Protein backbone atom coordinates (compact mmCIF):
# COMPACT_ATOMS: atom_id res chain seq x y z
CA MET A 1 103.83 100.77 127.68
CA THR A 2 107.29 102.57 126.72
CA VAL A 3 108.03 105.90 128.48
CA LEU A 4 108.32 107.23 125.01
CA GLU A 5 104.61 106.00 124.01
CA SER A 6 103.73 107.92 127.57
CA ALA A 7 105.25 110.89 126.65
CA LEU A 8 103.72 110.62 123.06
CA ASP A 9 100.02 109.79 124.90
CA ARG A 10 100.11 112.65 127.13
CA MET A 11 101.33 115.08 124.93
CA ALA A 12 97.80 113.69 122.30
CA GLU A 13 95.93 114.28 125.46
CA LYS A 14 96.64 117.94 125.83
CA ILE A 15 96.60 118.49 122.12
CA LEU A 16 93.26 117.12 122.14
CA ASN A 17 92.00 119.39 124.62
CA LEU A 18 93.00 122.63 122.40
CA ASP A 19 90.69 124.40 120.51
CA GLU A 20 90.52 124.18 116.86
CA ALA A 21 89.42 127.85 116.07
CA SER A 22 92.47 129.19 118.29
CA LEU A 23 94.82 126.85 116.65
CA THR A 24 93.48 127.88 113.29
CA SER A 25 94.32 131.45 114.15
CA LEU A 26 97.88 130.74 114.42
CA TRP A 27 98.14 128.52 111.28
CA GLU A 28 99.57 131.62 109.32
CA LYS A 29 102.11 132.90 112.13
CA TYR A 30 103.66 129.16 112.37
CA LYS A 31 103.49 129.01 108.28
CA ARG A 32 105.72 132.26 107.74
CA LYS A 33 108.09 130.87 111.06
CA MET A 34 108.32 127.70 109.21
CA GLU A 35 108.74 128.70 105.53
CA HIS A 36 111.79 131.45 106.61
CA PHE A 37 114.36 129.12 107.77
CA GLU A 38 116.53 129.29 110.40
CA LYS A 39 118.79 127.27 112.09
CA THR A 40 117.17 127.68 115.59
CA LYS A 41 115.36 125.52 118.10
CA GLU A 42 112.62 128.08 117.52
CA TRP A 43 112.18 127.56 114.40
CA GLU A 44 112.10 123.72 114.58
CA LYS A 45 109.40 124.31 117.19
CA SER A 46 107.69 126.66 114.70
CA VAL A 47 107.39 123.44 112.48
CA ILE A 48 106.03 120.92 114.79
CA ILE A 49 103.84 123.79 115.99
CA PHE A 50 102.27 124.17 112.55
CA PHE A 51 102.03 120.40 111.89
CA ILE A 52 100.19 120.04 115.08
CA ILE A 53 97.63 122.81 113.94
CA ASN A 54 97.35 120.82 110.58
CA ALA A 55 96.89 117.59 112.56
CA VAL A 56 94.23 118.72 114.70
CA ARG A 57 92.60 120.02 111.52
CA ALA A 58 92.97 116.85 109.47
CA LYS A 59 91.59 114.87 112.66
CA ASN A 60 88.76 116.93 113.08
CA HIS A 61 87.78 116.78 109.33
CA ILE A 62 87.96 113.17 109.39
CA PHE A 63 86.05 113.04 112.21
CA ASN A 64 83.10 115.10 111.05
CA GLU A 65 83.19 113.33 108.00
CA ASN A 66 82.38 109.68 109.31
CA MET A 67 79.99 111.41 111.95
CA LEU A 68 77.61 112.62 109.08
CA GLU A 69 78.18 109.77 107.03
CA PRO A 70 75.78 107.60 108.57
CA GLN A 71 73.25 110.45 108.97
CA GLU A 72 73.60 111.03 105.05
CA LYS A 73 72.89 106.86 104.70
CA HIS A 74 69.70 107.09 106.71
CA ALA A 75 68.71 111.02 104.88
CA LYS A 76 68.75 109.83 101.44
CA PRO A 77 66.87 106.92 100.19
CA ASP A 78 68.00 104.60 97.16
CA LYS A 79 68.00 105.97 93.72
CA ASN A 80 67.46 103.01 92.38
CA PRO A 81 65.02 100.72 94.49
CA ARG A 82 65.21 97.34 93.57
CA LYS A 83 61.54 96.34 93.37
CA LYS A 84 59.35 95.00 90.12
CA PRO A 85 58.50 97.73 87.51
CA ASP A 86 54.25 98.20 86.79
CA LEU A 87 54.36 96.51 83.16
CA LYS A 88 51.70 95.09 81.81
CA LEU A 89 51.56 92.58 79.08
CA VAL A 90 50.66 94.12 75.51
CA LYS A 91 49.65 91.72 72.70
């Protein structure tokens, strides 16, 4: 693993330990900062923070969808089960 990959891995580990609800409460603040362009490091950090918050939210959404998917498959019976219909021959 390269130095860059190690640094990214450590950042990802720290981000995974953050609470989504707390991050979501900061979403609007960083959205406003990002939308108000300034040629500063603070503005650049605001953009990164905004996208980190969105990344955590997207990751959790995908995770939850995939966790529910197997449960839904077991909970819902097939709408059209493949069995022979109950028909009688009429002459």
